[in-house]
Amino acid sequence: VGCLPSYCSATILFCWTGIMRASTLVLILVLPINVLLNIVFIYHTPLGFLGSPVAISITYWLAFFILCFLAYFSPTHKQNGTWGGFQPKTVLDFKSCMDFLQLAIPGMLMVGTEW
């Protein structure tokens, strides 16, 4: 699941900045999409049950992009200055990547234990 570290990090970012309901609302929003994608990929493609991981991956990417959209337009982030926008130089910096992994790995383990 390629987007799981990003999704977990975005969820933790929202919790740290005091926006507790955002990730829950996003999951409620993408739940029916996930169900529909699972039905399509499992029953209407030759993937069969291998379509389920594809559907879950698409769902996590969608949830991540919705969380990014919410972060960009959130008045709470504008008030407390926690969203500085997308900065490619920071994203590609090795130290920033290590900081990101320190945040993402525990989140991935947390989601993994739910399964």
N, C-alpha and C. Protein backbone atom coordinates (compact mmCIF):
# COMPACT_ATOMS: atom_id res chain seq x y z
N VAL A 1 0.86 -1.16 0.00
CA VAL A 1 0.00 0.00 0.00
C VAL A 1 0.91 1.22 0.00
N GLY A 2 1.08 1.81 -1.18
CA GLY A 2 2.08 2.85 -1.36
C GLY A 2 1.84 4.14 -0.61
N CYS A 3 0.61 4.49 -0.33
CA CYS A 3 0.33 5.77 0.28
C CYS A 3 0.14 5.70 1.79
N LEU A 4 0.23 4.54 2.36
CA LEU A 4 -0.03 4.39 3.78
C LEU A 4 0.85 5.29 4.65
N PRO A 5 2.18 5.40 4.39
CA PRO A 5 2.97 6.32 5.24
C PRO A 5 2.50 7.77 5.15
N SER A 6 2.16 8.21 3.96
CA SER A 6 1.70 9.60 3.79
C SER A 6 0.36 9.82 4.47
N TYR A 7 -0.54 8.87 4.31
CA TYR A 7 -1.86 9.00 4.94
C TYR A 7 -1.73 9.03 6.46
N CYS A 8 -0.91 8.13 7.02
CA CYS A 8 -0.73 8.09 8.47
C CYS A 8 -0.10 9.38 8.98
N SER A 9 0.87 9.89 8.26
CA SER A 9 1.51 11.14 8.67
C SER A 9 0.53 12.31 8.61
N ALA A 10 -0.29 12.36 7.58
CA ALA A 10 -1.28 13.43 7.47
C ALA A 10 -2.29 13.34 8.61
N THR A 11 -2.70 12.13 8.95
CA THR A 11 -3.63 11.94 10.06
C THR A 11 -3.03 12.43 11.37
N ILE A 12 -1.78 12.08 11.62
CA ILE A 12 -1.11 12.50 12.85
C ILE A 12 -0.91 14.01 12.86
N LEU A 13 -0.60 14.60 11.70
CA LEU A 13 -0.46 16.06 11.61
C LEU A 13 -1.74 16.75 12.05
N PHE A 14 -2.87 16.26 11.59
CA PHE A 14 -4.14 16.86 11.96
C PHE A 14 -4.39 16.73 13.46
N CYS A 15 -4.07 15.58 14.03
CA CYS A 15 -4.26 15.40 15.47
C CYS A 15 -3.36 16.34 16.27
N TRP A 16 -2.12 16.49 15.84
CA TRP A 16 -1.18 17.37 16.54
C TRP A 16 -1.58 18.83 16.48
N THR A 17 -2.28 19.20 15.44
CA THR A 17 -2.67 20.60 15.30
C THR A 17 -4.06 20.87 15.85
N GLY A 18 -4.67 19.89 16.49
CA GLY A 18 -5.94 20.09 17.15
C GLY A 18 -7.16 19.86 16.29
N ILE A 19 -6.98 19.32 15.09
CA ILE A 19 -8.12 19.03 14.22
C ILE A 19 -8.37 17.53 14.32
N MET A 20 -9.17 17.14 15.28
CA MET A 20 -9.34 15.72 15.60
C MET A 20 -10.31 15.00 14.67
N ARG A 21 -11.30 15.67 14.16
CA ARG A 21 -12.35 15.00 13.41
C ARG A 21 -12.03 14.83 11.92
N ALA A 22 -11.01 15.48 11.43
CA ALA A 22 -10.76 15.48 9.99
C ALA A 22 -10.54 14.08 9.44
N SER A 23 -9.66 13.31 10.06
CA SER A 23 -9.37 11.98 9.53
C SER A 23 -10.58 11.06 9.63
N THR A 24 -11.37 11.21 10.68
CA THR A 24 -12.58 10.40 10.81
C THR A 24 -13.59 10.75 9.72
N LEU A 25 -13.77 12.03 9.47
CA LEU A 25 -14.71 12.45 8.43
C LEU A 25 -14.24 12.01 7.05
N VAL A 26 -12.93 12.05 6.82
CA VAL A 26 -12.40 11.60 5.53
C VAL A 26 -12.63 10.10 5.36
N LEU A 27 -12.42 9.33 6.42
CA LEU A 27 -12.66 7.88 6.33
C LEU A 27 -14.14 7.58 6.09
N ILE A 28 -15.02 8.35 6.71
CA ILE A 28 -16.45 8.16 6.46
C ILE A 28 -16.78 8.49 5.01
N LEU A 29 -16.12 9.50 4.46
CA LEU A 29 -16.34 9.89 3.07
C LEU A 29 -15.84 8.84 2.08
N VAL A 30 -14.67 8.26 2.34
CA VAL A 30 -14.09 7.31 1.37
C VAL A 30 -14.58 5.87 1.58
N LEU A 31 -15.27 5.60 2.67
CA LEU A 31 -15.76 4.24 2.93
C LEU A 31 -16.65 3.71 1.80
N PRO A 32 -17.68 4.44 1.37
CA PRO A 32 -18.50 3.90 0.27
C PRO A 32 -17.71 3.76 -1.03
N ILE A 33 -16.75 4.65 -1.25
CA ILE A 33 -15.91 4.54 -2.44
C ILE A 33 -15.09 3.27 -2.37
N ASN A 34 -14.56 2.96 -1.19
CA ASN A 34 -13.78 1.74 -1.00
C ASN A 34 -14.63 0.50 -1.25
N VAL A 35 -15.85 0.50 -0.75
CA VAL A 35 -16.74 -0.64 -0.96
C VAL A 35 -17.01 -0.83 -2.46
N LEU A 36 -17.32 0.27 -3.14
CA LEU A 36 -17.59 0.18 -4.59
C LEU A 36 -16.35 -0.29 -5.36
N LEU A 37 -15.18 0.23 -5.00
CA LEU A 37 -13.95 -0.19 -5.68
C LEU A 37 -13.67 -1.68 -5.44
N ASN A 38 -13.91 -2.14 -4.23
CA ASN A 38 -13.72 -3.57 -3.95
C ASN A 38 -14.66 -4.42 -4.78
N ILE A 39 -15.91 -4.02 -4.87
CA ILE A 39 -16.87 -4.78 -5.68
C ILE A 39 -16.43 -4.82 -7.14
N VAL A 40 -16.03 -3.66 -7.65
CA VAL A 40 -15.62 -3.58 -9.06
C VAL A 40 -14.37 -4.43 -9.31
N PHE A 41 -13.34 -4.24 -8.49
CA PHE A 41 -12.08 -4.95 -8.74
C PHE A 41 -12.15 -6.45 -8.46
N ILE A 42 -12.98 -6.86 -7.50
CA ILE A 42 -13.05 -8.28 -7.17
C ILE A 42 -13.97 -9.03 -8.14
N TYR A 43 -15.15 -8.47 -8.40
CA TYR A 43 -16.16 -9.21 -9.17
C TYR A 43 -16.20 -8.87 -10.65
N HIS A 44 -15.68 -7.73 -11.05
CA HIS A 44 -15.84 -7.31 -12.44
C HIS A 44 -14.52 -7.14 -13.19
N THR A 45 -13.44 -7.63 -12.63
CA THR A 45 -12.15 -7.63 -13.32
C THR A 45 -11.53 -9.02 -13.15
N PRO A 46 -10.56 -9.35 -13.96
CA PRO A 46 -9.91 -10.66 -13.80
C PRO A 46 -8.99 -10.73 -12.56
N LEU A 47 -8.88 -9.65 -11.82
CA LEU A 47 -8.01 -9.66 -10.63
C LEU A 47 -8.54 -10.56 -9.52
N GLY A 48 -9.83 -10.68 -9.42
CA GLY A 48 -10.42 -11.46 -8.34
C GLY A 48 -10.09 -10.83 -7.00
N PHE A 49 -9.69 -11.66 -6.04
CA PHE A 49 -9.40 -11.14 -4.71
C PHE A 49 -8.13 -10.30 -4.66
N LEU A 50 -7.30 -10.38 -5.69
CA LEU A 50 -6.14 -9.49 -5.75
C LEU A 50 -6.56 -8.05 -6.04
N GLY A 51 -7.79 -7.85 -6.42
CA GLY A 51 -8.31 -6.50 -6.64
C GLY A 51 -8.55 -5.74 -5.35
N SER A 52 -8.69 -6.45 -4.25
CA SER A 52 -8.93 -5.78 -2.97
C SER A 52 -7.75 -4.91 -2.54
N PRO A 53 -6.50 -5.39 -2.61
CA PRO A 53 -5.40 -4.49 -2.27
C PRO A 53 -5.31 -3.28 -3.20
N VAL A 54 -5.67 -3.46 -4.46
CA VAL A 54 -5.67 -2.32 -5.39
C VAL A 54 -6.72 -1.30 -4.94
N ALA A 55 -7.89 -1.78 -4.57
CA ALA A 55 -8.96 -0.89 -4.11
C ALA A 55 -8.55 -0.16 -2.83
N ILE A 56 -7.92 -0.87 -1.91
CA ILE A 56 -7.48 -0.25 -0.66
C ILE A 56 -6.40 0.79 -0.92
N SER A 57 -5.49 0.49 -1.83
CA SER A 57 -4.44 1.45 -2.17
C SER A 57 -5.04 2.73 -2.77
N ILE A 58 -5.97 2.57 -3.68
CA ILE A 58 -6.63 3.74 -4.28
C ILE A 58 -7.36 4.54 -3.20
N THR A 59 -8.00 3.84 -2.27
CA THR A 59 -8.73 4.51 -1.20
C THR A 59 -7.79 5.31 -0.31
N TYR A 60 -6.63 4.73 0.06
CA TYR A 60 -5.67 5.47 0.88
C TYR A 60 -5.13 6.70 0.16
N TRP A 61 -4.85 6.58 -1.16
CA TRP A 61 -4.39 7.74 -1.92
C TRP A 61 -5.46 8.82 -1.92
N LEU A 62 -6.71 8.42 -2.14
CA LEU A 62 -7.80 9.38 -2.15
C LEU A 62 -7.94 10.08 -0.79
N ALA A 63 -7.86 9.29 0.29
CA ALA A 63 -7.96 9.86 1.64
C ALA A 63 -6.81 10.84 1.90
N PHE A 64 -5.60 10.47 1.44
CA PHE A 64 -4.45 11.36 1.63
C PHE A 64 -4.65 12.68 0.89
N PHE A 65 -5.11 12.62 -0.35
CA PHE A 65 -5.30 13.86 -1.11
C PHE A 65 -6.43 14.72 -0.53
N ILE A 66 -7.45 14.09 0.00
CA ILE A 66 -8.52 14.85 0.66
C ILE A 66 -7.98 15.52 1.91
N LEU A 67 -7.15 14.81 2.69
CA LEU A 67 -6.55 15.42 3.87
C LEU A 67 -5.64 16.59 3.50
N CYS A 68 -4.89 16.45 2.41
CA CYS A 68 -4.05 17.57 1.95
C CYS A 68 -4.90 18.76 1.55
N PHE A 69 -6.01 18.50 0.87
CA PHE A 69 -6.94 19.55 0.49
C PHE A 69 -7.48 20.25 1.73
N LEU A 70 -7.87 19.47 2.74
CA LEU A 70 -8.37 20.05 3.98
C LEU A 70 -7.29 20.86 4.70
N ALA A 71 -6.06 20.37 4.68
CA ALA A 71 -4.97 21.11 5.33
C ALA A 71 -4.75 22.46 4.65
N TYR A 72 -4.84 22.46 3.33
CA TYR A 72 -4.60 23.69 2.59
C TYR A 72 -5.68 24.74 2.87
N PHE A 73 -6.93 24.29 2.98
CA PHE A 73 -8.04 25.23 3.15
C PHE A 73 -8.53 25.36 4.59
N SER A 74 -7.89 24.69 5.54
CA SER A 74 -8.34 24.70 6.92
C SER A 74 -8.08 26.05 7.59
N PRO A 75 -9.12 26.65 8.18
CA PRO A 75 -8.88 27.91 8.89
C PRO A 75 -8.03 27.70 10.15
N THR A 76 -8.10 26.51 10.74
CA THR A 76 -7.29 26.23 11.93
C THR A 76 -5.81 26.24 11.58
N HIS A 77 -5.45 25.65 10.44
CA HIS A 77 -4.05 25.66 10.02
C HIS A 77 -3.59 27.08 9.70
N LYS A 78 -4.48 27.90 9.17
CA LYS A 78 -4.10 29.29 8.88
C LYS A 78 -3.91 30.08 10.17
N GLN A 79 -4.73 29.79 11.19
CA GLN A 79 -4.62 30.49 12.47
C GLN A 79 -3.32 30.16 13.18
N ASN A 80 -3.00 28.86 13.27
CA ASN A 80 -1.82 28.48 14.04
C ASN A 80 -0.56 28.32 13.18
N GLY A 81 -0.67 28.55 11.89
CA GLY A 81 0.50 28.55 11.01
C GLY A 81 1.17 27.21 10.83
N THR A 82 0.40 26.12 10.86
CA THR A 82 1.02 24.79 10.74
C THR A 82 1.10 24.29 9.30
N TRP A 83 0.52 25.01 8.36
CA TRP A 83 0.61 24.58 6.96
C TRP A 83 1.32 25.68 6.19
N GLY A 84 2.57 25.40 5.84
CA GLY A 84 3.36 26.37 5.09
C GLY A 84 3.27 26.17 3.60
N GLY A 85 2.45 25.25 3.17
CA GLY A 85 2.32 24.95 1.75
C GLY A 85 3.28 23.85 1.33
N PHE A 86 3.14 23.42 0.11
CA PHE A 86 4.00 22.37 -0.43
C PHE A 86 5.33 22.97 -0.85
N GLN A 87 6.43 22.45 -0.30
CA GLN A 87 7.76 22.97 -0.58
C GLN A 87 8.64 21.83 -1.09
N PRO A 88 8.83 21.72 -2.42
CA PRO A 88 9.60 20.61 -2.99
C PRO A 88 11.02 20.48 -2.43
N LYS A 89 11.66 21.59 -2.12
CA LYS A 89 13.03 21.53 -1.57
C LYS A 89 13.03 20.80 -0.22
N THR A 90 12.03 21.06 0.59
CA THR A 90 11.92 20.40 1.88
C THR A 90 11.56 18.93 1.72
N VAL A 91 10.69 18.63 0.76
CA VAL A 91 10.27 17.25 0.53
C VAL A 91 11.46 16.39 0.10
N LEU A 92 12.34 16.94 -0.70
CA LEU A 92 13.47 16.18 -1.23
C LEU A 92 14.70 16.20 -0.33
N ASP A 93 14.65 16.92 0.78
CA ASP A 93 15.76 16.98 1.72
C ASP A 93 15.83 15.68 2.53
N PHE A 94 17.04 15.12 2.68
CA PHE A 94 17.22 13.84 3.36
C PHE A 94 16.76 13.92 4.82
N LYS A 95 17.11 14.99 5.53
CA LYS A 95 16.72 15.12 6.94
C LYS A 95 15.20 15.19 7.06
N SER A 96 14.55 15.90 6.15
CA SER A 96 13.09 15.96 6.18
C SER A 96 12.47 14.60 5.93
N CYS A 97 13.07 13.83 5.02
CA CYS A 97 12.57 12.48 4.76
C CYS A 97 12.71 11.59 5.99
N MET A 98 13.82 11.73 6.71
CA MET A 98 14.01 10.94 7.93
C MET A 98 12.99 11.36 9.00
N ASP A 99 12.75 12.66 9.13
CA ASP A 99 11.73 13.13 10.07
C ASP A 99 10.37 12.57 9.70
N PHE A 100 10.08 12.56 8.41
CA PHE A 100 8.81 12.03 7.91
C PHE A 100 8.67 10.56 8.26
N LEU A 101 9.74 9.78 8.05
CA LEU A 101 9.69 8.35 8.36
C LEU A 101 9.52 8.10 9.85
N GLN A 102 10.12 8.95 10.68
CA GLN A 102 9.92 8.80 12.13
C GLN A 102 8.47 9.02 12.51
N LEU A 103 7.77 9.81 11.74
CA LEU A 103 6.36 10.04 11.98
C LEU A 103 5.50 8.96 11.32
N ALA A 104 5.92 8.50 10.14
CA ALA A 104 5.09 7.59 9.36
C ALA A 104 5.15 6.15 9.85
N ILE A 105 6.30 5.67 10.25
CA ILE A 105 6.44 4.26 10.63
C ILE A 105 5.55 3.89 11.82
N PRO A 106 5.53 4.67 12.91
CA PRO A 106 4.58 4.32 13.99
C PRO A 106 3.13 4.35 13.53
N GLY A 107 2.80 5.28 12.63
CA GLY A 107 1.43 5.34 12.10
C GLY A 107 1.09 4.11 11.29
N MET A 108 2.05 3.64 10.49
CA MET A 108 1.83 2.42 9.72
C MET A 108 1.65 1.23 10.63
N LEU A 109 2.45 1.15 11.69
CA LEU A 109 2.30 0.04 12.64
C LEU A 109 0.93 0.11 13.32
N MET A 110 0.48 1.31 13.62
CA MET A 110 -0.82 1.48 14.26
C MET A 110 -1.94 0.99 13.33
N VAL A 111 -1.87 1.36 12.05
CA VAL A 111 -2.88 0.91 11.10
C VAL A 111 -2.76 -0.61 10.87
N GLY A 112 -1.53 -1.11 10.82
CA GLY A 112 -1.31 -2.55 10.64
C GLY A 112 -1.90 -3.38 11.76
N THR A 113 -1.84 -2.86 12.99
CA THR A 113 -2.40 -3.62 14.11
C THR A 113 -3.93 -3.64 14.07
N GLU A 114 -4.53 -2.71 13.34
CA GLU A 114 -5.99 -2.72 13.20
C GLU A 114 -6.45 -3.88 12.31
N TRP A 115 -5.58 -4.33 11.42
CA TRP A 115 -5.94 -5.42 10.52
C TRP A 115 -5.88 -6.73 11.26
